[in-house]
């Protein structure tokens, strides 16, 4: 019998099984548009959860805080696609190498990303299971969950890629009074107070 977390990690709102190539083809054909609230997770087209005001506010607070400290050669994107091996999620926030103009012919991939952040309230279960597994499998160095339910930030690092159930080997939780170091390619480039990120 599979572990409980594996069972819970299967999205219960699956629509259609697709490869990355099939997903791109139906977008290029105009079958899916920006108005369709879906994303591709582990080969499954799934509905994205609607965002409530605290989620929107938190996403903006985190994005602004990161933009204020990122070094040259990196930028922050929000709720835009990234292309991984069998998934094309649209993370709430992602720190990407380079300039947005260099991605005119493709979405950023794992090799272009320093940090992924999901803002979680109704999506907490999905973000702790499916999304975490997807990002670990891709070798994303650092993954945050801004946990609005418990009022803290979960920071995952040290991805375990070559295992049956990819995961992160380290999790640190930062409460409202804590300060989170911002690490880009193994170098701490600054820090952000958790209280400034939460509504």
N, C-alpha and C. Protein backbone atom coordinates (compact mmCIF):
# COMPACT_ATOMS: atom_id res chain seq x y z
N UNK A 1 0.85 -1.19 0.00
CA UNK A 1 0.00 0.00 0.00
C UNK A 1 0.89 1.25 0.00
N UNK A 2 0.60 2.25 -0.87
CA UNK A 2 1.45 3.44 -0.92
C UNK A 2 1.32 4.28 0.34
N UNK A 3 2.36 5.07 0.65
CA UNK A 3 2.28 5.96 1.81
C UNK A 3 1.08 6.89 1.70
N UNK A 4 0.58 7.31 2.86
CA UNK A 4 -0.60 8.18 2.89
C UNK A 4 -0.37 9.44 2.09
N UNK A 5 0.85 10.03 2.22
CA UNK A 5 1.12 11.29 1.52
C UNK A 5 1.02 11.10 0.01
N UNK A 6 1.46 9.94 -0.51
CA UNK A 6 1.39 9.71 -1.96
C UNK A 6 -0.06 9.67 -2.42
N UNK A 7 -0.92 9.05 -1.65
CA UNK A 7 -2.33 8.99 -2.01
C UNK A 7 -2.94 10.39 -1.97
N UNK A 8 -2.64 11.15 -0.92
CA UNK A 8 -3.18 12.49 -0.77
C UNK A 8 -2.66 13.43 -1.85
N UNK A 9 -1.48 13.10 -2.43
CA UNK A 9 -0.85 14.00 -3.38
C UNK A 9 -1.51 13.97 -4.75
N UNK A 10 -2.34 12.96 -5.04
CA UNK A 10 -2.97 12.89 -6.35
C UNK A 10 -4.09 13.92 -6.41
N UNK A 11 -4.01 14.86 -7.35
CA UNK A 11 -5.06 15.88 -7.43
C UNK A 11 -6.42 15.24 -7.65
N UNK A 12 -7.44 15.73 -6.96
CA UNK A 12 -8.79 15.16 -7.12
C UNK A 12 -9.60 15.93 -8.15
N UNK A 13 -8.95 16.83 -8.86
CA UNK A 13 -9.65 17.62 -9.87
C UNK A 13 -8.94 17.50 -11.23
N UNK A 14 -8.55 16.26 -11.55
CA UNK A 14 -7.86 16.01 -12.82
C UNK A 14 -8.81 16.23 -13.98
N UNK A 15 -8.30 16.77 -15.06
CA UNK A 15 -9.12 16.99 -16.25
C UNK A 15 -8.68 16.05 -17.37
N UNK A 16 -7.38 16.06 -17.69
CA UNK A 16 -6.91 15.36 -18.87
C UNK A 16 -5.43 15.06 -18.73
N UNK A 17 -5.00 13.90 -19.21
CA UNK A 17 -3.59 13.51 -19.18
C UNK A 17 -2.93 14.02 -20.46
N UNK A 18 -1.82 14.78 -20.33
CA UNK A 18 -1.14 15.37 -21.48
C UNK A 18 0.38 15.36 -21.27
N UNK A 19 1.10 15.29 -22.38
CA UNK A 19 2.54 15.54 -22.33
C UNK A 19 2.76 17.05 -22.43
N UNK A 20 3.98 17.48 -22.14
CA UNK A 20 4.32 18.90 -22.31
C UNK A 20 4.07 19.33 -23.76
N UNK A 21 4.47 18.48 -24.72
CA UNK A 21 4.31 18.81 -26.13
C UNK A 21 2.84 18.94 -26.51
N UNK A 22 2.00 18.03 -26.02
CA UNK A 22 0.56 18.10 -26.29
C UNK A 22 -0.05 19.36 -25.67
N UNK A 23 0.39 19.67 -24.47
CA UNK A 23 -0.10 20.87 -23.77
C UNK A 23 0.23 22.12 -24.57
N UNK A 24 1.48 22.22 -25.03
CA UNK A 24 1.88 23.38 -25.83
C UNK A 24 1.10 23.44 -27.14
N UNK A 25 0.84 22.28 -27.74
CA UNK A 25 0.11 22.24 -29.01
C UNK A 25 -1.32 22.76 -28.85
N UNK A 26 -2.00 22.39 -27.77
CA UNK A 26 -3.38 22.86 -27.61
C UNK A 26 -3.43 24.34 -27.25
N UNK A 27 -2.36 24.84 -26.62
CA UNK A 27 -2.29 26.29 -26.36
C UNK A 27 -2.06 27.02 -27.69
N UNK A 28 -1.12 26.53 -28.51
CA UNK A 28 -0.82 27.17 -29.80
C UNK A 28 -2.02 27.12 -30.74
N UNK A 29 -2.84 26.08 -30.60
CA UNK A 29 -4.03 25.96 -31.45
C UNK A 29 -5.18 26.85 -30.95
N UNK A 30 -4.99 27.50 -29.81
CA UNK A 30 -6.02 28.39 -29.27
C UNK A 30 -7.12 27.67 -28.51
N UNK A 31 -6.93 26.37 -28.25
CA UNK A 31 -7.94 25.61 -27.50
C UNK A 31 -7.93 26.05 -26.03
N UNK A 32 -6.74 26.30 -25.51
CA UNK A 32 -6.60 26.88 -24.17
C UNK A 32 -6.09 28.31 -24.32
N UNK A 33 -6.60 29.21 -23.50
CA UNK A 33 -6.17 30.61 -23.53
C UNK A 33 -5.81 31.06 -22.12
N UNK A 34 -5.37 32.31 -22.01
CA UNK A 34 -5.04 32.87 -20.70
C UNK A 34 -6.24 32.90 -19.77
N UNK A 35 -7.43 32.87 -20.33
CA UNK A 35 -8.64 32.91 -19.51
C UNK A 35 -8.98 31.56 -18.88
N UNK A 36 -8.33 30.49 -19.35
CA UNK A 36 -8.58 29.16 -18.80
C UNK A 36 -7.72 28.95 -17.56
N UNK A 37 -8.36 28.72 -16.43
CA UNK A 37 -7.65 28.63 -15.16
C UNK A 37 -7.19 27.19 -14.90
N UNK A 38 -6.16 26.78 -15.68
CA UNK A 38 -5.62 25.43 -15.57
C UNK A 38 -4.10 25.49 -15.60
N UNK A 39 -3.47 24.40 -15.14
CA UNK A 39 -2.04 24.22 -15.27
C UNK A 39 -1.75 22.73 -15.41
N UNK A 40 -0.56 22.39 -15.90
CA UNK A 40 -0.18 21.00 -16.11
C UNK A 40 0.72 20.56 -14.96
N UNK A 41 0.25 19.57 -14.18
CA UNK A 41 0.99 19.06 -13.03
C UNK A 41 1.19 17.57 -13.19
N UNK A 42 2.44 17.15 -13.32
CA UNK A 42 2.80 15.74 -13.48
C UNK A 42 2.00 15.07 -14.59
N UNK A 43 1.84 15.78 -15.70
CA UNK A 43 1.15 15.23 -16.85
C UNK A 43 -0.36 15.31 -16.79
N UNK A 44 -0.90 15.94 -15.76
CA UNK A 44 -2.36 16.08 -15.63
C UNK A 44 -2.73 17.56 -15.75
N UNK A 45 -3.70 17.84 -16.57
CA UNK A 45 -4.27 19.19 -16.65
C UNK A 45 -5.22 19.33 -15.48
N UNK A 46 -4.97 20.29 -14.61
CA UNK A 46 -5.79 20.47 -13.40
C UNK A 46 -6.26 21.92 -13.31
N UNK A 47 -7.35 22.10 -12.59
CA UNK A 47 -7.85 23.44 -12.34
C UNK A 47 -6.97 24.15 -11.33
N UNK A 48 -6.72 25.44 -11.55
CA UNK A 48 -6.05 26.26 -10.54
C UNK A 48 -7.12 26.79 -9.59
N UNK A 49 -6.73 26.93 -8.33
CA UNK A 49 -7.67 27.43 -7.33
C UNK A 49 -7.85 28.94 -7.49
N UNK A 50 -9.08 29.44 -7.28
CA UNK A 50 -9.27 30.90 -7.32
C UNK A 50 -8.52 31.56 -6.16
N UNK A 51 -8.15 32.81 -6.36
CA UNK A 51 -7.35 33.53 -5.36
C UNK A 51 -8.23 34.51 -4.59
N UNK A 52 -8.11 34.48 -3.26
CA UNK A 52 -8.87 35.42 -2.44
C UNK A 52 -7.99 36.64 -2.14
N UNK A 53 -8.57 37.71 -1.57
CA UNK A 53 -7.79 38.94 -1.34
C UNK A 53 -6.51 38.75 -0.52
N UNK A 54 -6.51 37.98 0.61
CA UNK A 54 -5.23 37.81 1.32
C UNK A 54 -4.15 37.16 0.47
N UNK A 55 -4.54 36.23 -0.40
CA UNK A 55 -3.57 35.59 -1.30
C UNK A 55 -2.97 36.62 -2.26
N UNK A 56 -3.83 37.43 -2.86
CA UNK A 56 -3.37 38.46 -3.80
C UNK A 56 -2.44 39.45 -3.12
N UNK A 57 -2.82 39.91 -1.93
CA UNK A 57 -2.01 40.89 -1.19
C UNK A 57 -0.65 40.28 -0.83
N UNK A 58 -0.65 39.06 -0.34
CA UNK A 58 0.60 38.41 0.06
C UNK A 58 1.52 38.22 -1.14
N UNK A 59 0.96 37.80 -2.26
CA UNK A 59 1.77 37.62 -3.46
C UNK A 59 2.47 38.92 -3.83
N UNK A 60 1.75 40.02 -3.76
CA UNK A 60 2.35 41.32 -4.09
C UNK A 60 3.41 41.74 -3.07
N UNK A 61 3.14 41.50 -1.78
CA UNK A 61 4.11 41.85 -0.74
C UNK A 61 5.42 41.09 -0.92
N UNK A 62 5.31 39.80 -1.20
CA UNK A 62 6.51 38.97 -1.38
C UNK A 62 7.27 39.41 -2.63
N UNK A 63 6.53 39.62 -3.70
CA UNK A 63 7.19 40.03 -4.95
C UNK A 63 7.95 41.35 -4.76
N UNK A 64 7.31 42.33 -4.14
CA UNK A 64 7.95 43.63 -3.93
C UNK A 64 9.19 43.50 -3.05
N UNK A 65 9.10 42.70 -1.97
CA UNK A 65 10.25 42.52 -1.07
C UNK A 65 11.43 41.91 -1.82
N UNK A 66 11.17 40.93 -2.67
CA UNK A 66 12.25 40.31 -3.42
C UNK A 66 12.84 41.26 -4.46
N UNK A 67 11.98 41.99 -5.16
CA UNK A 67 12.46 42.93 -6.18
C UNK A 67 13.39 43.97 -5.58
N UNK A 68 13.18 44.31 -4.31
CA UNK A 68 13.99 45.34 -3.66
C UNK A 68 15.40 44.87 -3.31
N UNK A 69 15.64 43.53 -3.31
CA UNK A 69 16.98 43.07 -2.90
C UNK A 69 17.69 42.19 -3.93
N UNK A 70 17.02 41.83 -5.01
CA UNK A 70 17.66 40.95 -5.98
C UNK A 70 18.83 41.63 -6.67
N UNK A 71 19.93 40.90 -6.86
CA UNK A 71 21.06 41.47 -7.60
C UNK A 71 20.76 41.53 -9.09
N UNK A 72 21.58 42.27 -9.82
CA UNK A 72 21.46 42.34 -11.27
C UNK A 72 21.60 40.93 -11.84
N UNK A 73 20.88 40.67 -12.91
CA UNK A 73 20.95 39.36 -13.54
C UNK A 73 19.84 38.42 -13.10
N UNK A 74 18.91 38.92 -12.28
CA UNK A 74 17.77 38.13 -11.82
C UNK A 74 16.53 39.00 -11.82
N UNK A 75 15.36 38.40 -12.02
CA UNK A 75 14.11 39.15 -11.93
C UNK A 75 13.03 38.27 -11.29
N UNK A 76 11.96 38.91 -10.86
CA UNK A 76 10.85 38.22 -10.21
C UNK A 76 9.67 38.18 -11.16
N UNK A 77 9.05 37.00 -11.27
CA UNK A 77 7.84 36.84 -12.07
C UNK A 77 6.74 36.30 -11.17
N UNK A 78 5.50 36.54 -11.55
CA UNK A 78 4.36 36.08 -10.75
C UNK A 78 3.32 35.39 -11.60
N UNK A 79 2.93 34.19 -11.17
CA UNK A 79 1.81 33.46 -11.76
C UNK A 79 1.95 33.31 -13.27
N UNK A 80 3.19 33.01 -13.70
CA UNK A 80 3.49 32.77 -15.11
C UNK A 80 4.07 31.36 -15.24
N UNK A 81 3.92 30.73 -16.41
CA UNK A 81 4.37 29.34 -16.56
C UNK A 81 5.88 29.17 -16.51
N UNK A 82 6.28 28.03 -15.97
CA UNK A 82 7.65 27.54 -16.08
C UNK A 82 7.52 26.13 -16.66
N UNK A 83 8.50 25.70 -17.45
CA UNK A 83 8.43 24.39 -18.08
C UNK A 83 9.40 23.43 -17.41
N UNK A 84 8.86 22.35 -16.86
CA UNK A 84 9.66 21.30 -16.23
C UNK A 84 9.43 20.00 -17.01
N UNK A 85 9.98 18.89 -16.57
CA UNK A 85 9.97 17.67 -17.38
C UNK A 85 8.58 17.19 -17.77
N UNK A 86 7.65 17.14 -16.81
CA UNK A 86 6.30 16.67 -17.13
C UNK A 86 5.23 17.60 -16.57
N UNK A 87 5.63 18.82 -16.28
CA UNK A 87 4.72 19.78 -15.65
C UNK A 87 4.97 21.17 -16.20
N UNK A 88 3.92 21.98 -16.21
CA UNK A 88 4.07 23.39 -16.53
C UNK A 88 3.25 24.18 -15.51
N UNK A 89 3.74 24.21 -14.27
CA UNK A 89 3.02 24.96 -13.23
C UNK A 89 3.16 26.46 -13.44
N UNK A 90 2.33 27.20 -12.72
CA UNK A 90 2.37 28.66 -12.75
C UNK A 90 2.52 29.14 -11.31
N UNK A 91 3.76 29.09 -10.79
CA UNK A 91 3.97 29.44 -9.38
C UNK A 91 3.53 30.87 -9.07
N UNK A 92 3.15 31.09 -7.82
CA UNK A 92 2.76 32.44 -7.43
C UNK A 92 3.91 33.41 -7.64
N UNK A 93 5.13 32.98 -7.29
CA UNK A 93 6.31 33.84 -7.44
C UNK A 93 7.49 32.96 -7.83
N UNK A 94 8.32 33.45 -8.73
CA UNK A 94 9.53 32.73 -9.11
C UNK A 94 10.64 33.74 -9.37
N UNK A 95 11.84 33.39 -8.92
CA UNK A 95 13.03 34.22 -9.18
C UNK A 95 13.78 33.58 -10.33
N UNK A 96 13.91 34.34 -11.43
CA UNK A 96 14.42 33.81 -12.70
C UNK A 96 15.72 34.52 -13.10
N UNK A 97 16.63 33.74 -13.66
CA UNK A 97 17.90 34.28 -14.15
C UNK A 97 17.69 35.11 -15.42
N UNK A 98 18.44 36.19 -15.53
CA UNK A 98 18.48 36.95 -16.77
C UNK A 98 17.45 38.05 -16.87
N UNK A 99 16.94 38.23 -18.07
CA UNK A 99 15.98 39.28 -18.39
C UNK A 99 14.77 38.63 -19.04
N UNK A 100 13.61 39.14 -18.77
CA UNK A 100 12.39 38.52 -19.29
C UNK A 100 12.39 38.41 -20.82
N UNK A 101 13.10 39.31 -21.53
CA UNK A 101 13.12 39.27 -22.99
C UNK A 101 13.85 38.06 -23.55
N UNK A 102 14.68 37.43 -22.75
CA UNK A 102 15.40 36.27 -23.26
C UNK A 102 14.52 35.01 -23.30
N UNK A 103 13.28 35.14 -22.81
CA UNK A 103 12.36 33.99 -22.81
C UNK A 103 11.21 34.19 -23.80
N UNK A 104 11.51 34.78 -24.94
CA UNK A 104 10.49 35.00 -25.95
C UNK A 104 10.08 33.72 -26.67
N UNK A 105 11.00 32.74 -26.74
CA UNK A 105 10.69 31.50 -27.46
C UNK A 105 10.49 30.29 -26.56
N UNK A 106 10.56 30.48 -25.26
CA UNK A 106 10.31 29.39 -24.31
C UNK A 106 10.04 29.98 -22.93
N UNK A 107 9.43 29.16 -22.06
CA UNK A 107 9.26 29.56 -20.67
C UNK A 107 10.55 29.22 -19.91
N UNK A 108 10.81 29.89 -18.80
CA UNK A 108 11.96 29.50 -17.99
C UNK A 108 11.85 28.04 -17.55
N UNK A 109 13.01 27.37 -17.46
CA UNK A 109 13.07 25.99 -16.99
C UNK A 109 13.80 25.92 -15.66
N UNK A 110 13.95 24.72 -15.15
CA UNK A 110 14.56 24.53 -13.83
C UNK A 110 15.95 25.17 -13.74
N UNK A 111 16.72 25.08 -14.83
CA UNK A 111 18.08 25.61 -14.82
C UNK A 111 18.11 27.13 -14.73
N UNK A 112 16.97 27.78 -14.95
CA UNK A 112 16.90 29.25 -14.94
C UNK A 112 16.38 29.80 -13.61
N UNK A 113 16.02 28.93 -12.68
CA UNK A 113 15.26 29.34 -11.50
C UNK A 113 16.07 29.17 -10.22
N UNK A 114 16.07 30.21 -9.38
CA UNK A 114 16.76 30.15 -8.09
C UNK A 114 15.81 29.86 -6.93
N UNK A 115 14.56 30.30 -7.06
CA UNK A 115 13.61 30.20 -5.94
C UNK A 115 12.20 30.18 -6.49
N UNK A 116 11.39 29.27 -5.93
CA UNK A 116 9.96 29.23 -6.26
C UNK A 116 9.18 29.41 -4.96
N UNK A 117 8.10 30.21 -5.04
CA UNK A 117 7.27 30.47 -3.87
C UNK A 117 5.81 30.25 -4.23
N UNK A 118 5.11 29.49 -3.39
CA UNK A 118 3.66 29.35 -3.50
C UNK A 118 3.04 29.99 -2.27
N UNK A 119 2.02 30.82 -2.48
CA UNK A 119 1.25 31.41 -1.39
C UNK A 119 0.07 30.47 -1.15
N UNK A 120 -0.05 29.96 0.06
CA UNK A 120 -0.99 28.87 0.32
C UNK A 120 -2.03 29.19 1.37
N UNK A 121 -3.27 28.99 0.98
CA UNK A 121 -4.39 28.94 1.94
C UNK A 121 -5.21 27.72 1.57
N UNK A 122 -6.10 27.84 0.59
CA UNK A 122 -6.88 26.68 0.15
C UNK A 122 -6.01 25.67 -0.60
N UNK A 123 -4.82 26.07 -1.06
CA UNK A 123 -3.95 25.17 -1.84
C UNK A 123 -2.88 24.51 -0.98
N UNK A 124 -2.93 24.63 0.32
CA UNK A 124 -1.84 24.15 1.18
C UNK A 124 -1.54 22.67 0.96
N UNK A 125 -2.56 21.83 0.88
CA UNK A 125 -2.34 20.40 0.68
C UNK A 125 -1.62 20.14 -0.64
N UNK A 126 -2.08 20.75 -1.71
CA UNK A 126 -1.45 20.56 -3.02
C UNK A 126 -0.02 21.08 -3.02
N UNK A 127 0.21 22.24 -2.40
CA UNK A 127 1.55 22.84 -2.40
C UNK A 127 2.55 22.02 -1.59
N UNK A 128 2.07 21.34 -0.53
CA UNK A 128 2.95 20.51 0.31
C UNK A 128 3.20 19.12 -0.29
N UNK A 129 2.43 18.73 -1.27
CA UNK A 129 2.57 17.38 -1.81
C UNK A 129 2.95 17.44 -3.30
N UNK A 130 1.97 17.63 -4.15
CA UNK A 130 2.22 17.60 -5.60
C UNK A 130 3.24 18.65 -6.03
N UNK A 131 3.01 19.90 -5.65
CA UNK A 131 3.92 20.97 -6.08
C UNK A 131 5.33 20.75 -5.50
N UNK A 132 5.41 20.38 -4.24
CA UNK A 132 6.72 20.15 -3.63
C UNK A 132 7.47 19.04 -4.36
N UNK A 133 6.77 17.97 -4.68
CA UNK A 133 7.38 16.85 -5.40
C UNK A 133 7.86 17.29 -6.80
N UNK A 134 7.02 18.06 -7.50
CA UNK A 134 7.39 18.55 -8.83
C UNK A 134 8.66 19.39 -8.77
N UNK A 135 8.71 20.33 -7.83
CA UNK A 135 9.86 21.22 -7.74
C UNK A 135 11.12 20.48 -7.29
N UNK A 136 10.97 19.51 -6.37
CA UNK A 136 12.13 18.71 -5.96
C UNK A 136 12.64 17.87 -7.12
N UNK A 137 11.73 17.23 -7.87
CA UNK A 137 12.12 16.41 -9.02
C UNK A 137 12.91 17.25 -10.04
N UNK A 138 12.53 18.51 -10.20
CA UNK A 138 13.21 19.39 -11.16
C UNK A 138 14.54 19.92 -10.63
N UNK A 139 14.82 19.67 -9.34
CA UNK A 139 16.07 20.14 -8.76
C UNK A 139 16.06 21.61 -8.40
N UNK A 140 14.86 22.19 -8.23
CA UNK A 140 14.76 23.59 -7.80
C UNK A 140 15.39 23.69 -6.41
N UNK A 141 16.40 24.54 -6.26
CA UNK A 141 17.21 24.56 -5.04
C UNK A 141 16.42 24.94 -3.80
N UNK A 142 15.53 25.93 -3.93
CA UNK A 142 14.80 26.42 -2.76
C UNK A 142 13.34 26.64 -3.13
N UNK A 143 12.47 26.15 -2.27
CA UNK A 143 11.02 26.26 -2.46
C UNK A 143 10.41 26.75 -1.16
N UNK A 144 9.66 27.85 -1.27
CA UNK A 144 8.94 28.39 -0.10
C UNK A 144 7.45 28.13 -0.24
N UNK A 145 6.82 27.87 0.89
CA UNK A 145 5.37 27.95 0.99
C UNK A 145 5.06 29.05 2.00
N UNK A 146 4.44 30.13 1.52
CA UNK A 146 3.97 31.17 2.44
C UNK A 146 2.61 30.69 2.93
N UNK A 147 2.63 30.15 4.13
CA UNK A 147 1.50 29.43 4.71
C UNK A 147 0.59 30.42 5.44
N UNK A 148 -0.48 30.85 4.75
CA UNK A 148 -1.41 31.81 5.34
C UNK A 148 -2.29 31.18 6.41
N UNK A 149 -2.45 29.88 6.37
CA UNK A 149 -3.28 29.18 7.35
C UNK A 149 -2.64 29.25 8.74
N UNK A 150 -1.32 29.02 8.80
CA UNK A 150 -0.61 28.98 10.09
C UNK A 150 0.23 30.23 10.34
N UNK A 151 0.28 31.15 9.40
CA UNK A 151 1.01 32.40 9.60
C UNK A 151 2.51 32.22 9.67
N UNK A 152 3.07 31.44 8.74
CA UNK A 152 4.51 31.22 8.72
C UNK A 152 4.97 30.95 7.29
N UNK A 153 6.29 30.88 7.12
CA UNK A 153 6.86 30.54 5.82
C UNK A 153 7.65 29.25 5.97
N UNK A 154 7.30 28.25 5.17
CA UNK A 154 8.01 26.98 5.15
C UNK A 154 9.07 27.07 4.05
N UNK A 155 10.33 26.83 4.40
CA UNK A 155 11.42 26.91 3.44
C UNK A 155 12.02 25.51 3.26
N UNK A 156 11.91 25.02 2.02
CA UNK A 156 12.43 23.69 1.68
C UNK A 156 13.70 23.86 0.85
N UNK A 157 14.71 23.05 1.14
CA UNK A 157 15.97 23.11 0.39
C UNK A 157 16.57 21.71 0.31
N UNK A 158 17.66 21.60 -0.42
CA UNK A 158 18.37 20.34 -0.64
C UNK A 158 17.45 19.30 -1.29
N UNK A 159 17.07 19.53 -2.56
CA UNK A 159 16.18 18.58 -3.22
C UNK A 159 16.81 17.20 -3.40
N UNK A 160 15.99 16.18 -3.17
CA UNK A 160 16.37 14.79 -3.42
C UNK A 160 15.72 14.40 -4.74
N UNK A 161 16.51 14.37 -5.80
CA UNK A 161 15.98 14.18 -7.15
C UNK A 161 15.91 12.71 -7.53
N UNK A 162 16.98 11.98 -7.30
CA UNK A 162 17.09 10.60 -7.77
C UNK A 162 16.51 9.60 -6.77
N UNK A 163 15.27 9.81 -6.38
CA UNK A 163 14.57 8.88 -5.48
C UNK A 163 13.18 8.63 -6.06
N UNK A 164 12.53 7.58 -5.57
CA UNK A 164 11.21 7.23 -6.10
C UNK A 164 10.20 8.35 -5.90
N UNK A 165 10.22 8.96 -4.72
CA UNK A 165 9.33 10.09 -4.42
C UNK A 165 10.20 11.32 -4.15
N UNK A 166 10.51 12.10 -5.20
CA UNK A 166 11.36 13.27 -4.98
C UNK A 166 10.81 14.18 -3.88
N UNK A 167 11.72 14.75 -3.10
CA UNK A 167 11.34 15.58 -1.96
C UNK A 167 12.53 16.48 -1.61
N UNK A 168 12.36 17.28 -0.60
CA UNK A 168 13.45 18.10 -0.07
C UNK A 168 13.90 17.49 1.24
N UNK A 169 15.22 17.48 1.48
CA UNK A 169 15.73 16.87 2.70
C UNK A 169 15.71 17.83 3.88
N UNK A 170 15.53 19.12 3.62
CA UNK A 170 15.52 20.08 4.73
C UNK A 170 14.28 20.96 4.66
N UNK A 171 13.65 21.13 5.81
CA UNK A 171 12.53 22.07 5.95
C UNK A 171 12.79 22.92 7.19
N UNK A 172 12.71 24.24 7.01
CA UNK A 172 12.80 25.18 8.12
C UNK A 172 11.56 26.05 8.10
N UNK A 173 10.96 26.25 9.26
CA UNK A 173 9.78 27.11 9.38
C UNK A 173 10.18 28.44 10.01
N UNK A 174 9.67 29.53 9.43
CA UNK A 174 9.97 30.88 9.91
C UNK A 174 8.65 31.54 10.30
N UNK A 175 8.50 31.84 11.60
CA UNK A 175 7.30 32.50 12.09
C UNK A 175 7.34 34.00 11.85
N UNK A 176 6.28 34.68 12.28
CA UNK A 176 6.14 36.13 12.01
C UNK A 176 7.32 36.96 12.50
N UNK A 177 7.94 36.56 13.60
CA UNK A 177 9.03 37.37 14.17
C UNK A 177 10.39 37.04 13.56
N UNK A 178 10.43 36.08 12.65
CA UNK A 178 11.71 35.64 12.09
C UNK A 178 12.11 36.45 10.86
N UNK A 179 13.35 36.27 10.46
CA UNK A 179 13.90 36.87 9.24
C UNK A 179 14.41 35.73 8.37
N UNK A 180 14.02 35.73 7.10
CA UNK A 180 14.42 34.65 6.19
C UNK A 180 15.59 35.11 5.32
N UNK A 181 16.68 34.34 5.32
CA UNK A 181 17.77 34.67 4.40
C UNK A 181 17.35 34.37 2.96
N UNK A 182 17.73 35.24 2.04
CA UNK A 182 17.45 35.04 0.63
C UNK A 182 18.72 34.52 -0.02
N UNK A 183 18.66 33.29 -0.53
CA UNK A 183 19.85 32.64 -1.07
C UNK A 183 19.66 32.41 -2.57
N UNK A 184 20.60 32.91 -3.34
CA UNK A 184 20.60 32.75 -4.79
C UNK A 184 21.88 32.02 -5.17
N UNK A 185 21.73 30.84 -5.75
CA UNK A 185 22.87 30.01 -6.15
C UNK A 185 23.88 29.84 -5.01
N UNK A 186 23.36 29.54 -3.82
CA UNK A 186 24.20 29.25 -2.67
C UNK A 186 24.76 30.46 -1.95
N UNK A 187 24.43 31.66 -2.40
CA UNK A 187 24.96 32.88 -1.78
C UNK A 187 23.81 33.66 -1.15
N UNK A 188 23.98 34.05 0.12
CA UNK A 188 22.96 34.87 0.78
C UNK A 188 23.09 36.31 0.28
N UNK A 189 22.02 36.80 -0.34
CA UNK A 189 22.08 38.14 -0.93
C UNK A 189 21.30 39.17 -0.11
N UNK A 190 20.69 38.72 0.97
CA UNK A 190 19.91 39.61 1.82
C UNK A 190 18.96 38.80 2.68
N UNK A 191 18.06 39.49 3.35
CA UNK A 191 17.11 38.83 4.22
C UNK A 191 15.82 39.64 4.24
N UNK A 192 14.71 38.96 4.53
CA UNK A 192 13.39 39.60 4.56
C UNK A 192 12.67 39.18 5.83
N UNK A 193 12.08 40.15 6.53
CA UNK A 193 11.30 39.85 7.73
C UNK A 193 9.99 39.20 7.32
N UNK A 194 9.67 38.07 7.95
CA UNK A 194 8.44 37.36 7.63
C UNK A 194 7.21 38.25 7.83
N UNK A 195 7.24 39.04 8.88
CA UNK A 195 6.08 39.90 9.18
C UNK A 195 5.76 40.86 8.03
N UNK A 196 6.78 41.22 7.25
CA UNK A 196 6.55 42.13 6.12
C UNK A 196 5.92 41.42 4.93
N UNK A 197 5.89 40.09 4.97
CA UNK A 197 5.34 39.32 3.86
C UNK A 197 3.89 38.88 4.08
N UNK A 198 3.50 38.82 5.36
CA UNK A 198 2.17 38.31 5.70
C UNK A 198 1.18 39.44 5.85
N UNK A 199 -0.07 39.22 5.45
CA UNK A 199 -1.08 40.29 5.56
C UNK A 199 -1.45 40.56 7.01
